[in-house]
Amino acid sequence: MPLSSRLRTELAAAGVSGVPRGPTRATRENPFGLTPRQMDVLRHLAENMTNVEIADRLFVSSRTVDHHVSAILGKLGATTRSEAVALARDAGIPDG
């Protein structure tokens, strides 16, 4: 068992709550380390939607979308939304 798993198990047994579990399988398998929700946001960015439009579509606040967009830009090393979309397309994502 990896050290991180053992440590999480020991902390849980000791009653510690809120221990991060690490990235999900989908996030680990994404070439840029994007979460499934970030992929949803990226697909909407590819449709030239605003943060407010994306928020309405995903039933979250526009501030939440802003955080996702910031994370996407950081993970892709992009400075603009259109650059992020272009980088993702070059890598074969988003696929629809």
PDB file of N, CA and C in Angstrom:
ATOM      1  N   MET A   1       0.854  -1.173   0.000  1.00  0.00           N
ATOM      2  CA  MET A   1       0.000   0.000   0.000  1.00  0.00           C
ATOM      3  C   MET A   1       0.905   1.243   0.000  1.00  0.00           C
ATOM      4  N   PRO A   2       0.632   2.210  -0.869  1.00  0.00           N
ATOM      5  CA  PRO A   2       1.452   3.416  -0.897  1.00  0.00           C
ATOM      6  C   PRO A   2       1.397   4.159   0.435  1.00  0.00           C
ATOM      7  N   LEU A   3       2.453   4.883   0.715  1.00  0.00           N
ATOM      8  CA  LEU A   3       2.564   5.611   1.967  1.00  0.00           C
ATOM      9  C   LEU A   3       1.383   6.552   2.182  1.00  0.00           C
ATOM     10  N   SER A   4       0.958   7.250   1.128  1.00  0.00           N
ATOM     11  CA  SER A   4      -0.151   8.201   1.282  1.00  0.00           C
ATOM     12  C   SER A   4      -1.436   7.494   1.705  1.00  0.00           C
ATOM     13  N   SER A   5      -1.682   6.317   1.166  1.00  0.00           N
ATOM     14  CA  SER A   5      -2.880   5.558   1.544  1.00  0.00           C
ATOM     15  C   SER A   5      -2.798   5.101   2.997  1.00  0.00           C
ATOM     16  N   ARG A   6      -1.630   4.630   3.393  1.00  0.00           N
ATOM     17  CA  ARG A   6      -1.461   4.190   4.782  1.00  0.00           C
ATOM     18  C   ARG A   6      -1.647   5.346   5.744  1.00  0.00           C
ATOM     19  N   LEU A   7      -1.093   6.497   5.380  1.00  0.00           N
ATOM     20  CA  LEU A   7      -1.208   7.670   6.241  1.00  0.00           C
ATOM     21  C   LEU A   7      -2.665   8.117   6.363  1.00  0.00           C
ATOM     22  N   ARG A   8      -3.398   8.133   5.241  1.00  0.00           N
ATOM     23  CA  ARG A   8      -4.821   8.495   5.293  1.00  0.00           C
ATOM     24  C   ARG A   8      -5.596   7.522   6.172  1.00  0.00           C
ATOM     25  N   THR A   9      -5.303   6.243   6.059  1.00  0.00           N
ATOM     26  CA  THR A   9      -5.969   5.218   6.865  1.00  0.00           C
ATOM     27  C   THR A   9      -5.676   5.432   8.350  1.00  0.00           C
ATOM     28  N   GLU A  10      -4.418   5.698   8.669  1.00  0.00           N
ATOM     29  CA  GLU A  10      -4.043   5.919  10.066  1.00  0.00           C
ATOM     30  C   GLU A  10      -4.696   7.184  10.619  1.00  0.00           C
ATOM     31  N   LEU A  11      -4.730   8.246   9.824  1.00  0.00           N
ATOM     32  CA  LEU A  11      -5.361   9.485  10.280  1.00  0.00           C
ATOM     33  C   LEU A  11      -6.858   9.290  10.504  1.00  0.00           C
ATOM     34  N   ALA A  12      -7.510   8.558   9.601  1.00  0.00           N
ATOM     35  CA  ALA A  12      -8.937   8.280   9.757  1.00  0.00           C
ATOM     36  C   ALA A  12      -9.188   7.464  11.020  1.00  0.00           C
ATOM     37  N   ALA A  13      -8.332   6.483  11.268  1.00  0.00           N
ATOM     38  CA  ALA A  13      -8.469   5.651  12.468  1.00  0.00           C
ATOM     39  C   ALA A  13      -8.265   6.478  13.736  1.00  0.00           C
ATOM     40  N   ALA A  14      -7.465   7.534  13.627  1.00  0.00           N
ATOM     41  CA  ALA A  14      -7.213   8.403  14.774  1.00  0.00           C
ATOM     42  C   ALA A  14      -8.307   9.458  14.936  1.00  0.00           C
ATOM     43  N   GLY A  15      -9.287   9.457  14.030  1.00  0.00           N
ATOM     44  CA  GLY A  15     -10.404  10.381  14.147  1.00  0.00           C
ATOM     45  C   GLY A  15     -10.214  11.709  13.446  1.00  0.00           C
ATOM     46  N   VAL A  16      -9.165  11.826  12.648  1.00  0.00           N
ATOM     47  CA  VAL A  16      -8.921  13.062  11.908  1.00  0.00           C
ATOM     48  C   VAL A  16      -9.855  13.096  10.705  1.00  0.00           C
ATOM     49  N   SER A  17     -10.563  14.209  10.553  1.00  0.00           N
ATOM     50  CA  SER A  17     -11.463  14.332   9.396  1.00  0.00           C
ATOM     51  C   SER A  17     -10.919  15.371   8.429  1.00  0.00           C
ATOM     52  N   GLY A  18     -11.410  15.336   7.222  1.00  0.00           N
ATOM     53  CA  GLY A  18     -11.023  16.320   6.218  1.00  0.00           C
ATOM     54  C   GLY A  18      -9.672  16.053   5.586  1.00  0.00           C
ATOM     55  N   VAL A  19      -9.190  14.823   5.648  1.00  0.00           N
ATOM     56  CA  VAL A  19      -7.910  14.488   5.030  1.00  0.00           C
ATOM     57  C   VAL A  19      -8.138  14.364   3.527  1.00  0.00           C
ATOM     58  N   PRO A  20      -7.409  15.142   2.719  1.00  0.00           N
ATOM     59  CA  PRO A  20      -7.601  15.060   1.269  1.00  0.00           C
ATOM     60  C   PRO A  20      -7.318  13.656   0.758  1.00  0.00           C
ATOM     61  N   ARG A  21      -8.095  13.228  -0.205  1.00  0.00           N
ATOM     62  CA  ARG A  21      -7.924  11.868  -0.733  1.00  0.00           C
ATOM     63  C   ARG A  21      -7.073  11.837  -1.985  1.00  0.00           C
ATOM     64  N   GLY A  22      -6.731  13.003  -2.519  1.00  0.00           N
ATOM     65  CA  GLY A  22      -5.924  13.052  -3.732  1.00  0.00           C
ATOM     66  C   GLY A  22      -6.805  13.051  -4.962  1.00  0.00           C
ATOM     67  N   PRO A  23      -6.194  13.169  -6.125  1.00  0.00           N
ATOM     68  CA  PRO A  23      -6.970  13.256  -7.360  1.00  0.00           C
ATOM     69  C   PRO A  23      -7.681  11.945  -7.696  1.00  0.00           C
ATOM     70  N   THR A  24      -8.837  12.073  -8.337  1.00  0.00           N
ATOM     71  CA  THR A  24      -9.577  10.891  -8.772  1.00  0.00           C
ATOM     72  C   THR A  24      -8.891  10.270  -9.982  1.00  0.00           C
ATOM     73  N   ARG A  25      -9.326   9.102 -10.331  1.00  0.00           N
ATOM     74  CA  ARG A  25      -8.749   8.406 -11.483  1.00  0.00           C
ATOM     75  C   ARG A  25      -8.910   9.237 -12.759  1.00  0.00           C
ATOM     76  N   ALA A  26     -10.084   9.833 -12.938  1.00  0.00           N
ATOM     77  CA  ALA A  26     -10.326  10.649 -14.137  1.00  0.00           C
ATOM     78  C   ALA A  26      -9.358  11.828 -14.199  1.00  0.00           C
ATOM     79  N   THR A  27      -9.074  12.425 -13.065  1.00  0.00           N
ATOM     80  CA  THR A  27      -8.143  13.553 -13.016  1.00  0.00           C
ATOM     81  C   THR A  27      -6.725  13.086 -13.313  1.00  0.00           C
ATOM     82  N   ARG A  28      -6.326  11.948 -12.735  1.00  0.00           N
ATOM     83  CA  ARG A  28      -4.980  11.416 -12.986  1.00  0.00           C
ATOM     84  C   ARG A  28      -4.794  11.043 -14.447  1.00  0.00           C
ATOM     85  N   GLU A  29      -5.861  10.580 -15.097  1.00  0.00           N
ATOM     86  CA  GLU A  29      -5.761  10.146 -16.488  1.00  0.00           C
ATOM     87  C   GLU A  29      -5.839  11.300 -17.488  1.00  0.00           C
ATOM     88  N   ASN A  30      -6.255  12.470 -17.029  1.00  0.00           N
ATOM     89  CA  ASN A  30      -6.341  13.624 -17.924  1.00  0.00           C
ATOM     90  C   ASN A  30      -4.933  14.132 -18.216  1.00  0.00           C
ATOM     91  N   PRO A  31      -4.615  14.410 -19.492  1.00  0.00           N
ATOM     92  CA  PRO A  31      -3.251  14.844 -19.836  1.00  0.00           C
ATOM     93  C   PRO A  31      -2.799  16.106 -19.096  1.00  0.00           C
ATOM     94  N   PHE A  32      -3.737  16.961 -18.704  1.00  0.00           N
ATOM     95  CA  PHE A  32      -3.392  18.198 -18.019  1.00  0.00           C
ATOM     96  C   PHE A  32      -3.742  18.156 -16.537  1.00  0.00           C
ATOM     97  N   GLY A  33      -4.267  17.033 -16.065  1.00  0.00           N
ATOM     98  CA  GLY A  33      -4.670  16.931 -14.668  1.00  0.00           C
ATOM     99  C   GLY A  33      -5.956  17.683 -14.365  1.00  0.00           C
ATOM    100  N   LEU A  34      -6.802  17.867 -15.385  1.00  0.00           N
ATOM    101  CA  LEU A  34      -8.072  18.559 -15.188  1.00  0.00           C
ATOM    102  C   LEU A  34      -9.090  17.626 -14.545  1.00  0.00           C
ATOM    103  N   THR A  35      -9.885  18.177 -13.642  1.00  0.00           N
ATOM    104  CA  THR A  35     -10.958  17.408 -13.021  1.00  0.00           C
ATOM    105  C   THR A  35     -12.113  17.279 -14.014  1.00  0.00           C
ATOM    106  N   PRO A  36     -13.024  16.345 -13.774  1.00  0.00           N
ATOM    107  CA  PRO A  36     -14.194  16.244 -14.654  1.00  0.00           C
ATOM    108  C   PRO A  36     -14.982  17.557 -14.739  1.00  0.00           C
ATOM    109  N   ARG A  37     -15.110  18.265 -13.632  1.00  0.00           N
ATOM    110  CA  ARG A  37     -15.852  19.532 -13.656  1.00  0.00           C
ATOM    111  C   ARG A  37     -15.087  20.583 -14.462  1.00  0.00           C
ATOM    112  N   GLN A  38     -13.778  20.608 -14.327  1.00  0.00           N
ATOM    113  CA  GLN A  38     -12.981  21.532 -15.134  1.00  0.00           C
ATOM    114  C   GLN A  38     -13.114  21.202 -16.619  1.00  0.00           C
ATOM    115  N   MET A  39     -13.235  19.925 -16.936  1.00  0.00           N
ATOM    116  CA  MET A  39     -13.467  19.540 -18.328  1.00  0.00           C
ATOM    117  C   MET A  39     -14.818  20.058 -18.812  1.00  0.00           C
ATOM    118  N   ASP A  40     -15.840  19.994 -17.956  1.00  0.00           N
ATOM    119  CA  ASP A  40     -17.148  20.559 -18.312  1.00  0.00           C
ATOM    120  C   ASP A  40     -17.010  22.037 -18.634  1.00  0.00           C
ATOM    121  N   VAL A  41     -16.308  22.754 -17.773  1.00  0.00           N
ATOM    122  CA  VAL A  41     -16.127  24.195 -17.973  1.00  0.00           C
ATOM    123  C   VAL A  41     -15.335  24.444 -19.260  1.00  0.00           C
ATOM    124  N   LEU A  42     -14.297  23.669 -19.498  1.00  0.00           N
ATOM    125  CA  LEU A  42     -13.484  23.835 -20.698  1.00  0.00           C
ATOM    126  C   LEU A  42     -14.318  23.625 -21.971  1.00  0.00           C
ATOM    127  N   ARG A  43     -15.201  22.647 -21.950  1.00  0.00           N
ATOM    128  CA  ARG A  43     -16.075  22.416 -23.112  1.00  0.00           C
ATOM    129  C   ARG A  43     -16.954  23.636 -23.381  1.00  0.00           C
ATOM    130  N   HIS A  44     -17.426  24.256 -22.304  1.00  0.00           N
ATOM    131  CA  HIS A  44     -18.245  25.457 -22.471  1.00  0.00           C
ATOM    132  C   HIS A  44     -17.398  26.646 -22.912  1.00  0.00           C
ATOM    133  N   LEU A  45     -16.154  26.700 -22.467  1.00  0.00           N
ATOM    134  CA  LEU A  45     -15.254  27.744 -22.955  1.00  0.00           C
ATOM    135  C   LEU A  45     -15.049  27.602 -24.457  1.00  0.00           C
ATOM    136  N   ALA A  46     -14.989  26.361 -24.918  1.00  0.00           N
ATOM    137  CA  ALA A  46     -14.820  26.107 -26.352  1.00  0.00           C
ATOM    138  C   ALA A  46     -16.020  26.606 -27.160  1.00  0.00           C
ATOM    139  N   GLU A  47     -17.155  26.768 -26.494  1.00  0.00           N
ATOM    140  CA  GLU A  47     -18.359  27.303 -27.139  1.00  0.00           C
ATOM    141  C   GLU A  47     -18.455  28.817 -26.965  1.00  0.00           C
ATOM    142  N   ASN A  48     -17.383  29.449 -26.473  1.00  0.00           N
ATOM    143  CA  ASN A  48     -17.321  30.900 -26.254  1.00  0.00           C
ATOM    144  C   ASN A  48     -18.375  31.404 -25.271  1.00  0.00           C
ATOM    145  N   MET A  49     -18.693  30.593 -24.282  1.00  0.00           N
ATOM    146  CA  MET A  49     -19.664  31.006 -23.278  1.00  0.00           C
ATOM    147  C   MET A  49     -18.986  31.854 -22.211  1.00  0.00           C
ATOM    148  N   THR A  50     -19.732  32.798 -21.644  1.00  0.00           N
ATOM    149  CA  THR A  50     -19.232  33.609 -20.533  1.00  0.00           C
ATOM    150  C   THR A  50     -19.331  32.805 -19.243  1.00  0.00           C
ATOM    151  N   ASN A  51     -18.688  33.315 -18.185  1.00  0.00           N
ATOM    152  CA  ASN A  51     -18.766  32.639 -16.884  1.00  0.00           C
ATOM    153  C   ASN A  51     -20.209  32.560 -16.394  1.00  0.00           C
ATOM    154  N   VAL A  52     -20.974  33.611 -16.607  1.00  0.00           N
ATOM    155  CA  VAL A  52     -22.378  33.620 -16.178  1.00  0.00           C
ATOM    156  C   VAL A  52     -23.171  32.560 -16.946  1.00  0.00           C
ATOM    157  N   GLU A  53     -22.945  32.462 -18.244  1.00  0.00           N
ATOM    158  CA  GLU A  53     -23.650  31.450 -19.045  1.00  0.00           C
ATOM    159  C   GLU A  53     -23.266  30.039 -18.612  1.00  0.00           C
ATOM    160  N   ILE A  54     -21.977  29.831 -18.354  1.00  0.00           N
ATOM    161  CA  ILE A  54     -21.518  28.516 -17.894  1.00  0.00           C
ATOM    162  C   ILE A  54     -22.129  28.195 -16.529  1.00  0.00           C
ATOM    163  N   ALA A  55     -22.147  29.185 -15.652  1.00  0.00           N
ATOM    164  CA  ALA A  55     -22.720  28.986 -14.316  1.00  0.00           C
ATOM    165  C   ALA A  55     -24.184  28.578 -14.411  1.00  0.00           C
ATOM    166  N   ASP A  56     -24.927  29.251 -15.261  1.00  0.00           N
ATOM    167  CA  ASP A  56     -26.339  28.897 -15.443  1.00  0.00           C
ATOM    168  C   ASP A  56     -26.486  27.474 -15.974  1.00  0.00           C
ATOM    169  N   ARG A  57     -25.641  27.089 -16.901  1.00  0.00           N
ATOM    170  CA  ARG A  57     -25.715  25.753 -17.497  1.00  0.00           C
ATOM    171  C   ARG A  57     -25.345  24.669 -16.493  1.00  0.00           C
ATOM    172  N   LEU A  58     -24.359  24.957 -15.624  1.00  0.00           N
ATOM    173  CA  LEU A  58     -23.874  23.944 -14.685  1.00  0.00           C
ATOM    174  C   LEU A  58     -24.502  24.047 -13.294  1.00  0.00           C
ATOM    175  N   PHE A  59     -25.392  25.029 -13.113  1.00  0.00           N
ATOM    176  CA  PHE A  59     -26.087  25.216 -11.827  1.00  0.00           C
ATOM    177  C   PHE A  59     -25.121  25.491 -10.684  1.00  0.00           C
ATOM    178  N   VAL A  60     -24.151  26.378 -10.945  1.00  0.00           N
ATOM    179  CA  VAL A  60     -23.207  26.829  -9.927  1.00  0.00           C
ATOM    180  C   VAL A  60     -23.116  28.348 -10.017  1.00  0.00           C
ATOM    181  N   SER A  61     -22.378  28.968  -9.117  1.00  0.00           N
ATOM    182  CA  SER A  61     -22.224  30.423  -9.164  1.00  0.00           C
ATOM    183  C   SER A  61     -21.172  30.805 -10.203  1.00  0.00           C
ATOM    184  N   SER A  62     -21.264  32.033 -10.671  1.00  0.00           N
ATOM    185  CA  SER A  62     -20.268  32.500 -11.640  1.00  0.00           C
ATOM    186  C   SER A  62     -18.890  32.584 -10.982  1.00  0.00           C
ATOM    187  N   ARG A  63     -18.857  32.810  -9.668  1.00  0.00           N
ATOM    188  CA  ARG A  63     -17.585  32.841  -8.945  1.00  0.00           C
ATOM    189  C   ARG A  63     -16.939  31.455  -8.955  1.00  0.00           C
ATOM    190  N   THR A  64     -17.745  30.416  -8.818  1.00  0.00           N
ATOM    191  CA  THR A  64     -17.228  29.047  -8.893  1.00  0.00           C
ATOM    192  C   THR A  64     -16.637  28.793 -10.271  1.00  0.00           C
ATOM    193  N   VAL A  65     -17.339  29.231 -11.300  1.00  0.00           N
ATOM    194  CA  VAL A  65     -16.829  29.074 -12.667  1.00  0.00           C
ATOM    195  C   VAL A  65     -15.511  29.827 -12.809  1.00  0.00           C
ATOM    196  N   ASP A  66     -15.431  31.023 -12.221  1.00  0.00           N
ATOM    197  CA  ASP A  66     -14.201  31.807 -12.280  1.00  0.00           C
ATOM    198  C   ASP A  66     -13.034  31.024 -11.675  1.00  0.00           C
ATOM    199  N   HIS A  67     -13.274  30.341 -10.562  1.00  0.00           N
ATOM    200  CA  HIS A  67     -12.226  29.524  -9.944  1.00  0.00           C
ATOM    201  C   HIS A  67     -11.818  28.378 -10.859  1.00  0.00           C
ATOM    202  N   HIS A  68     -12.808  27.734 -11.497  1.00  0.00           N
ATOM    203  CA  HIS A  68     -12.498  26.645 -12.429  1.00  0.00           C
ATOM    204  C   HIS A  68     -11.684  27.158 -13.611  1.00  0.00           C
ATOM    205  N   VAL A  69     -12.070  28.306 -14.153  1.00  0.00           N
ATOM    206  CA  VAL A  69     -11.349  28.879 -15.295  1.00  0.00           C
ATOM    207  C   VAL A  69      -9.905  29.184 -14.891  1.00  0.00           C
ATOM    208  N   SER A  70      -9.716  29.755 -13.714  1.00  0.00           N
ATOM    209  CA  SER A  70      -8.360  30.049 -13.234  1.00  0.00           C
ATOM    210  C   SER A  70      -7.530  28.769 -13.115  1.00  0.00           C
ATOM    211  N   ALA A  71      -8.138  27.714 -12.579  1.00  0.00           N
ATOM    212  CA  ALA A  71      -7.435  26.440 -12.437  1.00  0.00           C
ATOM    213  C   ALA A  71      -7.081  25.862 -13.807  1.00  0.00           C
ATOM    214  N   ILE A  72      -8.004  25.967 -14.748  1.00  0.00           N
ATOM    215  CA  ILE A  72      -7.768  25.465 -16.111  1.00  0.00           C
ATOM    216  C   ILE A  72      -6.600  26.207 -16.740  1.00  0.00           C
ATOM    217  N   LEU A  73      -6.615  27.527 -16.647  1.00  0.00           N
ATOM    218  CA  LEU A  73      -5.531  28.328 -17.221  1.00  0.00           C
ATOM    219  C   LEU A  73      -4.190  27.938 -16.599  1.00  0.00           C
ATOM    220  N   GLY A  74      -4.180  27.768 -15.290  1.00  0.00           N
ATOM    221  CA  GLY A  74      -2.943  27.391 -14.610  1.00  0.00           C
ATOM    222  C   GLY A  74      -2.441  26.024 -15.019  1.00  0.00           C
ATOM    223  N   LYS A  75      -3.321  25.055 -15.069  1.00  0.00           N
ATOM    224  CA  LYS A  75      -2.913  23.694 -15.410  1.00  0.00           C
ATOM    225  C   LYS A  75      -2.455  23.573 -16.849  1.00  0.00           C
ATOM    226  N   LEU A  76      -3.052  24.358 -17.749  1.00  0.00           N
ATOM    227  CA  LEU A  76      -2.663  24.308 -19.146  1.00  0.00           C
ATOM    228  C   LEU A  76      -1.516  25.270 -19.462  1.00  0.00           C
ATOM    229  N   GLY A  77      -1.171  26.138 -18.522  1.00  0.00           N
ATOM    230  CA  GLY A  77      -0.119  27.124 -18.755  1.00  0.00           C
ATOM    231  C   GLY A  77      -0.545  28.178 -19.752  1.00  0.00           C
ATOM    232  N   ALA A  78      -1.841  28.456 -19.781  1.00  0.00           N
ATOM    233  CA  ALA A  78      -2.404  29.420 -20.725  1.00  0.00           C
ATOM    234  C   ALA A  78      -2.638  30.750 -20.026  1.00  0.00           C
ATOM    235  N   THR A  79      -2.664  31.822 -20.817  1.00  0.00           N
ATOM    236  CA  THR A  79      -2.942  33.137 -20.253  1.00  0.00           C
ATOM    237  C   THR A  79      -4.324  33.649 -20.630  1.00  0.00           C
ATOM    238  N   THR A  80      -4.941  33.025 -21.627  1.00  0.00           N
ATOM    239  CA  THR A  80      -6.288  33.430 -22.033  1.00  0.00           C
ATOM    240  C   THR A  80      -7.164  32.206 -22.193  1.00  0.00           C
ATOM    241  N   ARG A  81      -8.457  32.444 -22.188  1.00  0.00           N
ATOM    242  CA  ARG A  81      -9.419  31.361 -22.367  1.00  0.00           C
ATOM    243  C   ARG A  81      -9.252  30.710 -23.737  1.00  0.00           C
ATOM    244  N   SER A  82      -9.084  31.537 -24.763  1.00  0.00           N
ATOM    245  CA  SER A  82      -8.947  30.996 -26.114  1.00  0.00           C
ATOM    246  C   SER A  82      -7.652  30.194 -26.256  1.00  0.00           C
ATOM    247  N   GLU A  83      -6.595  30.620 -25.584  1.00  0.00           N
ATOM    248  CA  GLU A  83      -5.349  29.860 -25.612  1.00  0.00           C
ATOM    249  C   GLU A  83      -5.536  28.503 -24.932  1.00  0.00           C
ATOM    250  N   ALA A  84      -6.269  28.487 -23.831  1.00  0.00           N
ATOM    251  CA  ALA A  84      -6.536  27.224 -23.129  1.00  0.00           C
ATOM    252  C   ALA A  84      -7.298  26.263 -24.024  1.00  0.00           C
ATOM    253  N   VAL A  85      -8.313  26.774 -24.709  1.00  0.00           N
ATOM    254  CA  VAL A  85      -9.101  25.932 -25.620  1.00  0.00           C
ATOM    255  C   VAL A  85      -8.213  25.395 -26.738  1.00  0.00           C
ATOM    256  N   ALA A  86      -7.355  26.248 -27.300  1.00  0.00           N
ATOM    257  CA  ALA A  86      -6.474  25.832 -28.381  1.00  0.00           C
ATOM    258  C   ALA A  86      -5.490  24.760 -27.905  1.00  0.00           C
ATOM    259  N   LEU A  87      -4.909  24.941 -26.737  1.00  0.00           N
ATOM    260  CA  LEU A  87      -3.974  23.945 -26.184  1.00  0.00           C
ATOM    261  C   LEU A  87      -4.670  22.602 -25.961  1.00  0.00           C
ATOM    262  N   ALA A  88      -5.884  22.669 -25.437  1.00  0.00           N
ATOM    263  CA  ALA A  88      -6.640  21.438 -25.185  1.00  0.00           C
ATOM    264  C   ALA A  88      -6.981  20.741 -26.496  1.00  0.00           C
ATOM    265  N   ARG A  89      -7.386  21.516 -27.487  1.00  0.00           N
ATOM    266  CA  ARG A  89      -7.706  20.915 -28.791  1.00  0.00           C
ATOM    267  C   ARG A  89      -6.470  20.273 -29.415  1.00  0.00           C
ATOM    268  N   ASP A  90      -5.331  20.944 -29.289  1.00  0.00           N
ATOM    269  CA  ASP A  90      -4.085  20.384 -29.822  1.00  0.00           C
ATOM    270  C   ASP A  90      -3.736  19.054 -29.149  1.00  0.00           C
ATOM    271  N   ALA A  91      -4.134  18.924 -27.899  1.00  0.00           N
ATOM    272  CA  ALA A  91      -3.868  17.690 -27.146  1.00  0.00           C
ATOM    273  C   ALA A  91      -4.978  16.652 -27.344  1.00  0.00           C
ATOM    274  N   GLY A  92      -5.998  17.008 -28.123  1.00  0.00           N
ATOM    275  CA  GLY A  92      -7.078  16.065 -28.375  1.00  0.00           C
ATOM    276  C   GLY A  92      -8.248  16.174 -27.423  1.00  0.00           C
ATOM    277  N   ILE A  93      -8.275  17.215 -26.593  1.00  0.00           N
ATOM    278  CA  ILE A  93      -9.416  17.453 -25.705  1.00  0.00           C
ATOM    279  C   ILE A  93      -9.837  18.901 -25.841  1.00  0.00           C
ATOM    280  N   PRO A  94     -11.044  19.303 -25.607  1.00  0.00           N
ATOM    281  CA  PRO A  94     -12.169  18.429 -25.289  1.00  0.00           C
ATOM    282  C   PRO A  94     -12.687  17.742 -26.547  1.00  0.00           C
ATOM    283  N   ASP A  95     -13.251  16.582 -26.366  1.00  0.00           N
ATOM    284  CA  ASP A  95     -13.725  15.811 -27.513  1.00  0.00           C
ATOM    285  C   ASP A  95     -15.220  15.948 -27.731  1.00  0.00           C
ATOM    286  N   GLY A  96     -15.845  16.860 -27.047  1.00  0.00           N
ATOM    287  CA  GLY A  96     -17.282  17.049 -27.237  1.00  0.00           C
ATOM    288  C   GLY A  96     -17.921  17.121 -25.927  1.00  0.00           C
TER     289      GLY A  96
END
